[in-house]
Amino acid sequence: MLVTINVAVLLAVIIIILRLRRTTHARSRNDEKLTVVIVLVFGVLIAPTAFGQGILDVVVQVVQGVSQSGR
């Protein structure tokens, strides 16, 4: 069994974890904007992967379940 990982995805995960570990009261508005941009780029990176498709399937199922329970 061969396991491969995209280096861009790995770096994005590491950067997101490091940025989210910082204390919230020390963040500036620009720091928060940069964090949002990094997370959006991460979303674009994992979207075409099997992992991204799995996340999409789970989110779709949750949304469908919530919308059906409201009826």
N, C-alpha and C. Protein backbone atom coordinates (compact mmCIF):
# COMPACT_ATOMS: atom_id res chain seq x y z
N MET A 1 0.84 -1.17 0.00
CA MET A 1 0.00 0.00 0.00
C MET A 1 0.89 1.24 0.00
N LEU A 2 0.69 2.08 -0.99
CA LEU A 2 1.48 3.30 -1.13
C LEU A 2 0.64 4.50 -0.72
N VAL A 3 1.14 5.28 0.23
CA VAL A 3 0.43 6.47 0.69
C VAL A 3 1.18 7.69 0.17
N THR A 4 0.45 8.56 -0.51
CA THR A 4 1.05 9.79 -1.01
C THR A 4 0.35 10.98 -0.39
N ILE A 5 1.06 12.09 -0.29
CA ILE A 5 0.47 13.32 0.23
C ILE A 5 0.95 14.48 -0.61
N ASN A 6 0.07 15.37 -0.89
CA ASN A 6 0.40 16.56 -1.65
C ASN A 6 1.15 17.51 -0.72
N VAL A 7 2.32 17.96 -1.14
CA VAL A 7 3.15 18.83 -0.30
C VAL A 7 2.45 20.16 -0.03
N ALA A 8 1.74 20.69 -1.02
CA ALA A 8 1.02 21.95 -0.83
C ALA A 8 -0.04 21.82 0.25
N VAL A 9 -0.75 20.70 0.25
CA VAL A 9 -1.78 20.48 1.27
C VAL A 9 -1.13 20.34 2.63
N LEU A 10 -0.03 19.62 2.72
CA LEU A 10 0.67 19.45 4.00
C LEU A 10 1.14 20.80 4.54
N LEU A 11 1.73 21.63 3.69
CA LEU A 11 2.16 22.95 4.13
C LEU A 11 0.99 23.82 4.56
N ALA A 12 -0.12 23.74 3.84
CA ALA A 12 -1.30 24.52 4.21
C ALA A 12 -1.82 24.10 5.58
N VAL A 13 -1.85 22.81 5.85
CA VAL A 13 -2.31 22.32 7.15
C VAL A 13 -1.39 22.82 8.26
N ILE A 14 -0.10 22.75 8.04
CA ILE A 14 0.86 23.20 9.06
C ILE A 14 0.70 24.70 9.32
N ILE A 15 0.55 25.49 8.26
CA ILE A 15 0.41 26.93 8.42
C ILE A 15 -0.89 27.27 9.15
N ILE A 16 -1.97 26.59 8.81
CA ILE A 16 -3.25 26.85 9.48
C ILE A 16 -3.15 26.51 10.95
N ILE A 17 -2.56 25.39 11.28
CA ILE A 17 -2.42 25.00 12.69
C ILE A 17 -1.57 26.01 13.45
N LEU A 18 -0.47 26.44 12.86
CA LEU A 18 0.39 27.41 13.54
C LEU A 18 -0.33 28.75 13.73
N ARG A 19 -1.09 29.19 12.74
CA ARG A 19 -1.78 30.47 12.86
C ARG A 19 -2.92 30.41 13.86
N LEU A 20 -3.62 29.29 13.93
CA LEU A 20 -4.75 29.19 14.85
C LEU A 20 -4.31 28.98 16.29
N ARG A 21 -3.08 28.57 16.52
CA ARG A 21 -2.58 28.37 17.88
C ARG A 21 -2.27 29.69 18.58
N ARG A 22 -2.11 30.77 17.82
CA ARG A 22 -1.81 32.06 18.43
C ARG A 22 -2.99 32.54 19.26
N THR A 23 -2.71 33.34 20.27
CA THR A 23 -3.79 33.85 21.11
C THR A 23 -4.65 34.84 20.32
N THR A 24 -5.94 34.82 20.59
CA THR A 24 -6.86 35.62 19.80
C THR A 24 -6.78 37.10 20.13
N HIS A 25 -6.46 37.46 21.35
CA HIS A 25 -6.44 38.88 21.71
C HIS A 25 -5.24 39.61 21.11
N ALA A 26 -4.25 38.89 20.62
CA ALA A 26 -3.06 39.52 20.05
C ALA A 26 -3.17 39.68 18.53
N ARG A 27 -4.28 39.29 17.95
CA ARG A 27 -4.41 39.35 16.49
C ARG A 27 -4.90 40.71 16.03
N SER A 28 -4.32 41.19 14.96
CA SER A 28 -4.78 42.42 14.35
C SER A 28 -5.80 42.06 13.26
N ARG A 29 -6.43 43.09 12.72
CA ARG A 29 -7.42 42.86 11.66
C ARG A 29 -6.74 42.25 10.43
N ASN A 30 -5.54 42.72 10.10
CA ASN A 30 -4.82 42.15 8.96
C ASN A 30 -4.44 40.71 9.21
N ASP A 31 -4.10 40.37 10.44
CA ASP A 31 -3.76 39.00 10.79
C ASP A 31 -4.97 38.08 10.61
N GLU A 32 -6.14 38.55 11.00
CA GLU A 32 -7.36 37.76 10.82
C GLU A 32 -7.69 37.58 9.35
N LYS A 33 -7.51 38.64 8.55
CA LYS A 33 -7.77 38.55 7.12
C LYS A 33 -6.82 37.54 6.46
N LEU A 34 -5.56 37.56 6.87
CA LEU A 34 -4.59 36.61 6.31
C LEU A 34 -4.98 35.17 6.65
N THR A 35 -5.45 34.96 7.87
CA THR A 35 -5.88 33.63 8.27
C THR A 35 -7.06 33.16 7.41
N VAL A 36 -8.00 34.04 7.14
CA VAL A 36 -9.14 33.69 6.29
C VAL A 36 -8.67 33.34 4.88
N VAL A 37 -7.75 34.11 4.34
CA VAL A 37 -7.23 33.83 3.00
C VAL A 37 -6.52 32.48 2.96
N ILE A 38 -5.74 32.19 3.99
CA ILE A 38 -5.03 30.90 4.03
C ILE A 38 -6.02 29.75 4.08
N VAL A 39 -7.06 29.88 4.88
CA VAL A 39 -8.06 28.81 4.98
C VAL A 39 -8.80 28.64 3.66
N LEU A 40 -9.11 29.73 2.97
CA LEU A 40 -9.77 29.63 1.67
C LEU A 40 -8.87 28.95 0.63
N VAL A 41 -7.60 29.29 0.64
CA VAL A 41 -6.65 28.65 -0.28
C VAL A 41 -6.55 27.16 0.03
N PHE A 42 -6.55 26.82 1.32
CA PHE A 42 -6.53 25.41 1.72
C PHE A 42 -7.76 24.69 1.17
N GLY A 43 -8.91 25.33 1.26
CA GLY A 43 -10.13 24.74 0.71
C GLY A 43 -10.03 24.48 -0.77
N VAL A 44 -9.44 25.41 -1.49
CA VAL A 44 -9.26 25.23 -2.93
C VAL A 44 -8.28 24.10 -3.22
N LEU A 45 -7.26 23.96 -2.39
CA LEU A 45 -6.27 22.90 -2.60
C LEU A 45 -6.85 21.50 -2.38
N ILE A 46 -7.70 21.34 -1.36
CA ILE A 46 -8.21 19.99 -1.08
C ILE A 46 -9.48 19.66 -1.83
N ALA A 47 -10.11 20.65 -2.48
CA ALA A 47 -11.38 20.41 -3.16
C ALA A 47 -11.31 19.29 -4.20
N PRO A 48 -10.29 19.25 -5.07
CA PRO A 48 -10.30 18.20 -6.09
C PRO A 48 -9.79 16.83 -5.60
N THR A 49 -9.35 16.74 -4.35
CA THR A 49 -8.82 15.48 -3.85
C THR A 49 -9.94 14.59 -3.35
N ALA A 50 -9.65 13.33 -3.13
CA ALA A 50 -10.64 12.38 -2.60
C ALA A 50 -11.06 12.80 -1.19
N PHE A 51 -10.12 13.31 -0.41
CA PHE A 51 -10.43 13.78 0.93
C PHE A 51 -11.41 14.96 0.87
N GLY A 52 -11.18 15.89 -0.05
CA GLY A 52 -12.07 17.04 -0.21
C GLY A 52 -13.46 16.62 -0.65
N GLN A 53 -13.53 15.64 -1.53
CA GLN A 53 -14.83 15.14 -1.98
C GLN A 53 -15.57 14.44 -0.84
N GLY A 54 -14.82 13.74 0.02
CA GLY A 54 -15.43 13.10 1.19
C GLY A 54 -16.01 14.12 2.14
N ILE A 55 -15.28 15.21 2.36
CA ILE A 55 -15.79 16.29 3.22
C ILE A 55 -17.05 16.89 2.62
N LEU A 56 -17.03 17.11 1.31
CA LEU A 56 -18.19 17.66 0.62
C LEU A 56 -19.40 16.75 0.78
N ASP A 57 -19.22 15.45 0.63
CA ASP A 57 -20.32 14.50 0.79
C ASP A 57 -20.90 14.55 2.19
N VAL A 58 -20.03 14.63 3.21
CA VAL A 58 -20.50 14.70 4.60
C VAL A 58 -21.30 15.98 4.83
N VAL A 59 -20.79 17.10 4.33
CA VAL A 59 -21.49 18.38 4.52
C VAL A 59 -22.84 18.36 3.81
N VAL A 60 -22.90 17.80 2.62
CA VAL A 60 -24.16 17.71 1.89
C VAL A 60 -25.16 16.86 2.66
N GLN A 61 -24.73 15.74 3.21
CA GLN A 61 -25.62 14.89 3.99
C GLN A 61 -26.14 15.59 5.23
N VAL A 62 -25.27 16.33 5.92
CA VAL A 62 -25.68 17.06 7.12
C VAL A 62 -26.70 18.14 6.76
N VAL A 63 -26.44 18.89 5.69
CA VAL A 63 -27.36 19.95 5.29
C VAL A 63 -28.70 19.37 4.87
N GLN A 64 -28.69 18.27 4.15
CA GLN A 64 -29.94 17.63 3.75
C GLN A 64 -30.71 17.13 4.96
N GLY A 65 -30.00 16.56 5.93
CA GLY A 65 -30.66 16.08 7.14
C GLY A 65 -31.28 17.21 7.94
N VAL A 66 -30.57 18.32 8.04
CA VAL A 66 -31.09 19.47 8.79
C VAL A 66 -32.30 20.07 8.06
N SER A 67 -32.23 20.18 6.75
CA SER A 67 -33.34 20.77 6.01
C SER A 67 -34.57 19.87 6.03
N GLN A 68 -34.37 18.55 6.04
CA GLN A 68 -35.50 17.63 6.10
C GLN A 68 -36.11 17.58 7.50
N SER A 69 -35.32 17.79 8.52
CA SER A 69 -35.86 17.75 9.88
C SER A 69 -36.70 18.99 10.18
N GLY A 70 -36.50 20.07 9.41
CA GLY A 70 -37.28 21.29 9.62
C GLY A 70 -38.65 21.22 8.98
N ARG A 71 -38.89 20.21 8.18
CA ARG A 71 -40.19 20.09 7.49
C ARG A 71 -41.22 19.39 8.31
